[in-house]
Amino acid sequence: MNLNLDNLWNLDFRSFLPIIAPILVVYVVLLTIVFVDMYRNKGDRKNKFLWVIAIIVLNVFGPILYFAFGRRGATKWN
């Protein structure tokens, strides 16, 4: 197996930007919405620290899991 790392340095990373940029935007928007929701409902949440760790560690799946399971029993926004 030939693992030539010199080819990695020759890649044009700007060619991947149109693919990566929308994913990063969606991730930042999801994080913002989740943390705003956690702040607004800080009295209603249990295991807030565990949710924050899960949201950060699980990247895109963390906010999705939070909205699927972490908001159960939450009050609606005004």
C-alpha atoms as a PDB file:
ATOM      1  CA  MET A   1       0.000   0.000   0.000  1.00  0.00           C
ATOM      2  CA  ASN A   2       1.428   3.339  -1.028  1.00  0.00           C
ATOM      3  CA  LEU A   3       0.462   6.194   1.280  1.00  0.00           C
ATOM      4  CA  ASN A   4       1.957   9.174  -0.457  1.00  0.00           C
ATOM      5  CA  LEU A   5       1.101  12.242   1.603  1.00  0.00           C
ATOM      6  CA  ASP A   6       2.706  14.559  -0.930  1.00  0.00           C
ATOM      7  CA  ASN A   7      -0.442  14.276  -3.049  1.00  0.00           C
ATOM      8  CA  LEU A   8      -2.468  15.675  -0.165  1.00  0.00           C
ATOM      9  CA  TRP A   9      -0.485  18.910  -0.201  1.00  0.00           C
ATOM     10  CA  ASN A  10      -1.116  19.290  -3.924  1.00  0.00           C
ATOM     11  CA  LEU A  11      -4.922  19.244  -3.560  1.00  0.00           C
ATOM     12  CA  ASP A  12      -6.764  22.452  -4.297  1.00  0.00           C
ATOM     13  CA  PHE A  13      -8.954  22.839  -1.204  1.00  0.00           C
ATOM     14  CA  ARG A  14     -10.798  25.788  -2.737  1.00  0.00           C
ATOM     15  CA  SER A  15     -12.402  23.333  -5.133  1.00  0.00           C
ATOM     16  CA  PHE A  16     -14.127  21.692  -2.145  1.00  0.00           C
ATOM     17  CA  LEU A  17     -15.442  24.981  -0.768  1.00  0.00           C
ATOM     18  CA  PRO A  18     -18.794  24.898  -2.637  1.00  0.00           C
ATOM     19  CA  ILE A  19     -19.469  21.537  -1.002  1.00  0.00           C
ATOM     20  CA  ILE A  20     -18.215  22.324   2.490  1.00  0.00           C
ATOM     21  CA  ALA A  21     -19.610  25.863   2.895  1.00  0.00           C
ATOM     22  CA  PRO A  22     -23.337  24.941   2.906  1.00  0.00           C
ATOM     23  CA  ILE A  23     -22.675  22.126   5.376  1.00  0.00           C
ATOM     24  CA  LEU A  24     -20.869  24.519   7.700  1.00  0.00           C
ATOM     25  CA  VAL A  25     -23.674  27.084   7.419  1.00  0.00           C
ATOM     26  CA  VAL A  26     -26.302  24.466   8.299  1.00  0.00           C
ATOM     27  CA  TYR A  27     -24.179  23.295  11.237  1.00  0.00           C
ATOM     28  CA  VAL A  28     -23.746  26.816  12.632  1.00  0.00           C
ATOM     29  CA  VAL A  29     -27.471  27.556  12.215  1.00  0.00           C
ATOM     30  CA  LEU A  30     -28.392  24.309  13.999  1.00  0.00           C
ATOM     31  CA  LEU A  31     -25.991  25.063  16.843  1.00  0.00           C
ATOM     32  CA  THR A  32     -27.349  28.577  17.218  1.00  0.00           C
ATOM     33  CA  ILE A  33     -30.970  27.421  17.294  1.00  0.00           C
ATOM     34  CA  VAL A  34     -30.212  24.668  19.808  1.00  0.00           C
ATOM     35  CA  PHE A  35     -28.282  26.888  22.196  1.00  0.00           C
ATOM     36  CA  VAL A  36     -30.918  29.641  21.985  1.00  0.00           C
ATOM     37  CA  ASP A  37     -33.590  27.052  22.756  1.00  0.00           C
ATOM     38  CA  MET A  38     -31.568  25.695  25.671  1.00  0.00           C
ATOM     39  CA  TYR A  39     -31.092  29.220  27.041  1.00  0.00           C
ATOM     40  CA  ARG A  40     -34.750  30.174  26.709  1.00  0.00           C
ATOM     41  CA  ASN A  41     -35.889  26.971  28.406  1.00  0.00           C
ATOM     42  CA  LYS A  42     -33.070  26.622  30.912  1.00  0.00           C
ATOM     43  CA  GLY A  43     -35.429  25.917  33.800  1.00  0.00           C
ATOM     44  CA  ASP A  44     -37.248  23.129  31.951  1.00  0.00           C
ATOM     45  CA  ARG A  45     -34.223  21.087  30.883  1.00  0.00           C
ATOM     46  CA  LYS A  46     -32.625  18.221  32.734  1.00  0.00           C
ATOM     47  CA  ASN A  47     -29.087  17.040  32.010  1.00  0.00           C
ATOM     48  CA  LYS A  48     -28.170  20.286  30.271  1.00  0.00           C
ATOM     49  CA  PHE A  49     -24.455  19.601  30.580  1.00  0.00           C
ATOM     50  CA  LEU A  50     -24.838  16.177  28.951  1.00  0.00           C
ATOM     51  CA  TRP A  51     -26.845  17.690  26.095  1.00  0.00           C
ATOM     52  CA  VAL A  52     -24.202  20.350  25.494  1.00  0.00           C
ATOM     53  CA  ILE A  53     -21.490  17.674  25.357  1.00  0.00           C
ATOM     54  CA  ALA A  54     -23.604  15.504  23.016  1.00  0.00           C
ATOM     55  CA  ILE A  55     -24.387  18.448  20.745  1.00  0.00           C
ATOM     56  CA  ILE A  56     -20.745  19.415  20.392  1.00  0.00           C
ATOM     57  CA  VAL A  57     -19.281  15.903  20.136  1.00  0.00           C
ATOM     58  CA  LEU A  58     -21.876  14.469  17.766  1.00  0.00           C
ATOM     59  CA  ASN A  59     -21.583  17.408  15.348  1.00  0.00           C
ATOM     60  CA  VAL A  60     -24.627  17.539  13.058  1.00  0.00           C
ATOM     61  CA  PHE A  61     -26.398  14.610  14.738  1.00  0.00           C
ATOM     62  CA  GLY A  62     -26.246  16.200  18.208  1.00  0.00           C
ATOM     63  CA  PRO A  63     -28.628  19.094  17.457  1.00  0.00           C
ATOM     64  CA  ILE A  64     -30.950  16.737  15.585  1.00  0.00           C
ATOM     65  CA  LEU A  65     -31.030  14.362  18.562  1.00  0.00           C
ATOM     66  CA  TYR A  66     -31.659  17.293  20.882  1.00  0.00           C
ATOM     67  CA  PHE A  67     -34.703  18.381  18.893  1.00  0.00           C
ATOM     68  CA  ALA A  68     -35.947  14.802  18.645  1.00  0.00           C
ATOM     69  CA  PHE A  69     -35.474  13.759  22.285  1.00  0.00           C
ATOM     70  CA  GLY A  70     -34.209  16.664  24.413  1.00  0.00           C
ATOM     71  CA  ARG A  71     -37.201  18.949  23.990  1.00  0.00           C
ATOM     72  CA  ARG A  72     -39.835  16.500  25.220  1.00  0.00           C
ATOM     73  CA  GLY A  73     -42.153  18.204  27.640  1.00  0.00           C
ATOM     74  CA  ALA A  74     -40.780  21.627  26.791  1.00  0.00           C
ATOM     75  CA  THR A  75     -43.043  24.638  26.823  1.00  0.00           C
ATOM     76  CA  LYS A  76     -43.736  26.410  23.567  1.00  0.00           C
ATOM     77  CA  TRP A  77     -42.027  29.698  22.768  1.00  0.00           C
ATOM     78  CA  ASN A  78     -44.036  32.845  23.393  1.00  0.00           C
END
